[in-house]
C-alpha atoms as a PDB file:
ATOM      1  CA  MET A   1       5.285  -1.392 -13.357  1.00  0.00           C
ATOM      2  CA  ALA A   2       7.387  -3.758 -11.226  1.00  0.00           C
ATOM      3  CA  LYS A   3      10.058  -5.742 -12.990  1.00  0.00           C
ATOM      4  CA  THR A   4      10.969  -8.139 -10.203  1.00  0.00           C
ATOM      5  CA  THR A   5      10.042  -9.083  -6.655  1.00  0.00           C
ATOM      6  CA  VAL A   6      11.903  -8.798  -3.389  1.00  0.00           C
ATOM      7  CA  PRO A   7      11.127 -10.895  -0.290  1.00  0.00           C
ATOM      8  CA  LEU A   8       9.524  -8.852   2.465  1.00  0.00           C
ATOM      9  CA  HIS A   9      12.376  -9.516   4.901  1.00  0.00           C
ATOM     10  CA  ARG A  10      14.690  -7.495   2.616  1.00  0.00           C
ATOM     11  CA  LEU A  11      12.485  -4.414   2.913  1.00  0.00           C
ATOM     12  CA  ALA A  12      11.209  -4.438   6.499  1.00  0.00           C
ATOM     13  CA  ARG A  13      13.369  -3.525   9.476  1.00  0.00           C
ATOM     14  CA  THR A  14      11.343  -5.669  11.853  1.00  0.00           C
ATOM     15  CA  ILE A  15       9.001  -8.601  11.312  1.00  0.00           C
ATOM     16  CA  ARG A  16       7.826 -10.114  14.591  1.00  0.00           C
ATOM     17  CA  SER A  17       4.986 -11.890  16.328  1.00  0.00           C
ATOM     18  CA  LYS A  18       3.834 -12.254  19.930  1.00  0.00           C
ATOM     19  CA  ASN A  19       0.860 -13.031  22.114  1.00  0.00           C
ATOM     20  CA  ALA A  20      -2.022 -10.597  22.121  1.00  0.00           C
ATOM     21  CA  GLY A  21      -3.843 -12.197  25.016  1.00  0.00           C
ATOM     22  CA  ALA A  22      -4.745 -15.861  25.370  1.00  0.00           C
ATOM     23  CA  HIS A  23      -6.880 -16.006  22.234  1.00  0.00           C
ATOM     24  CA  TYR A  24      -4.906 -13.967  19.689  1.00  0.00           C
ATOM     25  CA  TYR A  25      -1.410 -13.471  18.378  1.00  0.00           C
ATOM     26  CA  THR A  26      -0.266 -10.345  16.622  1.00  0.00           C
ATOM     27  CA  MET A  27       2.349  -9.693  13.989  1.00  0.00           C
ATOM     28  CA  ASP A  28       4.136  -6.447  13.212  1.00  0.00           C
ATOM     29  CA  ILE A  29       5.879  -5.471   9.992  1.00  0.00           C
ATOM     30  CA  ILE A  30       7.875  -2.268  10.487  1.00  0.00           C
ATOM     31  CA  PHE A  31       9.791  -0.313   7.853  1.00  0.00           C
ATOM     32  CA  ASP A  32      12.650   2.176   8.308  1.00  0.00           C
ATOM     33  CA  ASP A  33      11.267   4.824   5.996  1.00  0.00           C
ATOM     34  CA  PRO A  34       7.870   5.992   4.763  1.00  0.00           C
ATOM     35  CA  GLU A  35       8.816   5.536   1.096  1.00  0.00           C
ATOM     36  CA  THR A  36       9.375   1.785   1.444  1.00  0.00           C
ATOM     37  CA  TYR A  37       6.303   1.431   3.652  1.00  0.00           C
ATOM     38  CA  GLU A  38       4.115   3.265   1.132  1.00  0.00           C
ATOM     39  CA  TRP A  39       5.532   1.242  -1.761  1.00  0.00           C
ATOM     40  CA  VAL A  40       4.759  -2.066  -0.042  1.00  0.00           C
ATOM     41  CA  VAL A  41       1.234  -0.961   0.903  1.00  0.00           C
ATOM     42  CA  GLU A  42       0.522   0.347  -2.605  1.00  0.00           C
ATOM     43  CA  THR A  43       1.588  -2.934  -4.247  1.00  0.00           C
ATOM     44  CA  GLY A  44      -1.318  -4.685  -2.535  1.00  0.00           C
ATOM     45  CA  ALA A  45       0.902  -7.677  -1.760  1.00  0.00           C
ATOM     46  CA  ILE A  46      -0.070  -7.608   1.923  1.00  0.00           C
ATOM     47  CA  THR A  47      -3.814  -7.540   2.547  1.00  0.00           C
ATOM     48  CA  ARG A  48      -6.279  -9.151   4.902  1.00  0.00           C
ATOM     49  CA  GLU A  49      -7.096 -11.607   2.119  1.00  0.00           C
ATOM     50  CA  SER A  50      -3.478 -12.470   1.279  1.00  0.00           C
ATOM     51  CA  ILE A  51      -2.640 -13.014   4.955  1.00  0.00           C
ATOM     52  CA  ALA A  52      -5.647 -15.321   5.409  1.00  0.00           C
ATOM     53  CA  ALA A  53      -4.511 -17.318   2.375  1.00  0.00           C
ATOM     54  CA  LEU A  54      -0.889 -17.394   3.542  1.00  0.00           C
ATOM     55  CA  TYR A  55      -1.869 -18.731   6.974  1.00  0.00           C
ATOM     56  CA  GLY A  56      -4.606 -20.999   5.640  1.00  0.00           C
ATOM     57  CA  VAL A  57      -7.303 -19.456   7.816  1.00  0.00           C
ATOM     58  CA  PRO A  58     -10.697 -17.963   6.991  1.00  0.00           C
ATOM     59  CA  GLU A  59     -10.693 -14.173   6.775  1.00  0.00           C
ATOM     60  CA  GLU A  60     -12.958 -14.073   9.832  1.00  0.00           C
ATOM     61  CA  ARG A  61      -9.970 -15.201  11.937  1.00  0.00           C
ATOM     62  CA  ILE A  62      -8.068 -12.050  10.949  1.00  0.00           C
ATOM     63  CA  PHE A  63      -9.174 -10.003  13.931  1.00  0.00           C
ATOM     64  CA  GLN A  64      -7.225  -6.875  13.032  1.00  0.00           C
ATOM     65  CA  PHE A  65      -5.407  -5.636   9.944  1.00  0.00           C
ATOM     66  CA  VAL A  66      -4.046  -2.113  10.361  1.00  0.00           C
ATOM     67  CA  GLU A  67      -1.830  -0.069   8.056  1.00  0.00           C
ATOM     68  CA  TYR A  68      -0.316   2.421  10.513  1.00  0.00           C
ATOM     69  CA  ARG A  69       1.313   5.179   8.503  1.00  0.00           C
ATOM     70  CA  PRO A  70       2.709   7.236  11.420  1.00  0.00           C
ATOM     71  CA  GLY A  71       4.773   4.193  12.443  1.00  0.00           C
ATOM     72  CA  ASN A  72       5.549   2.876   8.940  1.00  0.00           C
ATOM     73  CA  ALA A  73       3.996  -0.361  10.106  1.00  0.00           C
ATOM     74  CA  ILE A  74       1.414  -3.018   9.366  1.00  0.00           C
ATOM     75  CA  LYS A  75      -0.182  -4.803  12.326  1.00  0.00           C
ATOM     76  CA  ILE A  76      -2.055  -8.073  11.919  1.00  0.00           C
ATOM     77  CA  SER A  77      -3.862  -9.931  14.708  1.00  0.00           C
ATOM     78  CA  ILE A  78      -5.206 -13.434  14.187  1.00  0.00           C
ATOM     79  CA  ARG A  79      -7.506 -15.410  16.457  1.00  0.00           C
ATOM     80  CA  ARG A  80      -5.741 -18.594  17.551  1.00  0.00           C
ATOM     81  CA  LYS A  81      -7.189 -21.985  16.710  1.00  0.00           C
ATOM     82  CA  HIS A  82      -6.406 -23.022  20.301  1.00  0.00           C
ATOM     83  CA  SER A  83      -6.021 -20.648  23.233  1.00  0.00           C
ATOM     84  CA  SER A  84      -2.494 -20.117  24.493  1.00  0.00           C
ATOM     85  CA  GLY A  85      -1.527 -23.048  26.698  1.00  0.00           C
ATOM     86  CA  ASP A  86      -4.429 -25.279  25.643  1.00  0.00           C
ATOM     87  CA  VAL A  87      -3.927 -28.816  24.434  1.00  0.00           C
ATOM     88  CA  GLY A  88      -3.031 -28.656  20.745  1.00  0.00           C
ATOM     89  CA  GLU A  89      -1.412 -25.217  20.897  1.00  0.00           C
ATOM     90  CA  SER A  90       2.010 -25.327  19.234  1.00  0.00           C
ATOM     91  CA  ASP A  91       3.329 -21.821  20.021  1.00  0.00           C
ATOM     92  CA  VAL A  92       2.340 -20.745  23.533  1.00  0.00           C
ATOM     93  CA  TYR A  93       4.066 -17.349  23.233  1.00  0.00           C
ATOM     94  CA  GLY A  94       3.081 -16.668  19.619  1.00  0.00           C
ATOM     95  CA  CYS A  95       6.722 -15.854  18.847  1.00  0.00           C
ATOM     96  CA  GLN A  96       7.073 -18.163  15.829  1.00  0.00           C
ATOM     97  CA  GLN A  97       4.025 -17.022  13.868  1.00  0.00           C
ATOM     98  CA  TYR A  98       5.858 -14.387  11.796  1.00  0.00           C
ATOM     99  CA  ILE A  99       7.919 -16.902   9.775  1.00  0.00           C
ATOM    100  CA  PRO A 100       5.502 -17.150   6.763  1.00  0.00           C
ATOM    101  CA  LEU A 101       5.686 -13.356   6.349  1.00  0.00           C
ATOM    102  CA  LEU A 102       9.422 -13.302   5.635  1.00  0.00           C
ATOM    103  CA  ASP A 103       9.262 -14.433   2.031  1.00  0.00           C
ATOM    104  CA  ILE A 104       6.131 -12.635   0.831  1.00  0.00           C
ATOM    105  CA  PRO A 105       7.150 -11.488  -2.661  1.00  0.00           C
ATOM    106  CA  ILE A 106       6.867  -7.718  -2.986  1.00  0.00           C
ATOM    107  CA  PRO A 107       6.772  -6.317  -6.540  1.00  0.00           C
ATOM    108  CA  TRP A 108       9.762  -4.045  -6.948  1.00  0.00           C
ATOM    109  CA  ASP A 109      10.589  -1.385  -9.523  1.00  0.00           C
ATOM    110  CA  ASP A 110      14.367  -1.268  -9.869  1.00  0.00           C
ATOM    111  CA  GLU A 111      14.201   2.239 -11.256  1.00  0.00           C
ATOM    112  CA  MET A 112      12.219   3.621  -8.319  1.00  0.00           C
ATOM    113  CA  ARG A 113      14.591   2.604  -5.551  1.00  0.00           C
ATOM    114  CA  VAL A 114      18.125   1.321  -5.353  1.00  0.00           C
ATOM    115  CA  LEU A 115      18.089  -2.110  -3.753  1.00  0.00           C
ATOM    116  CA  ASP A 116      20.114  -5.193  -4.462  1.00  0.00           C
ATOM    117  CA  PRO A 117      17.387  -7.875  -4.481  1.00  0.00           C
ATOM    118  CA  ALA A 118      19.952 -10.706  -4.472  1.00  0.00           C
END
């Protein structure tokens, strides 16, 4: 099926993270068009399980994993190890948590879509 992979940041318009209250942070992956969104979802490269592995957390800490088709988006909320502002918290605003998502390899079929993966 797919001949190569493309890093997620090449396919998504927006990849961001932010606070979702004092105990959670949330990440959004938003695509420009439904075709790219559907392709990424159908590859199975981004799942609750793969996100837990990527962040090194048990799946139980993934509070929310939503594939939101009307918005061409995937929303992921993770329970923080430390509440925002507590001793030991390294990202009070949750704004740096999206970084590991950028390079998730997405299987890509060169014949399906025109994209320069370089």
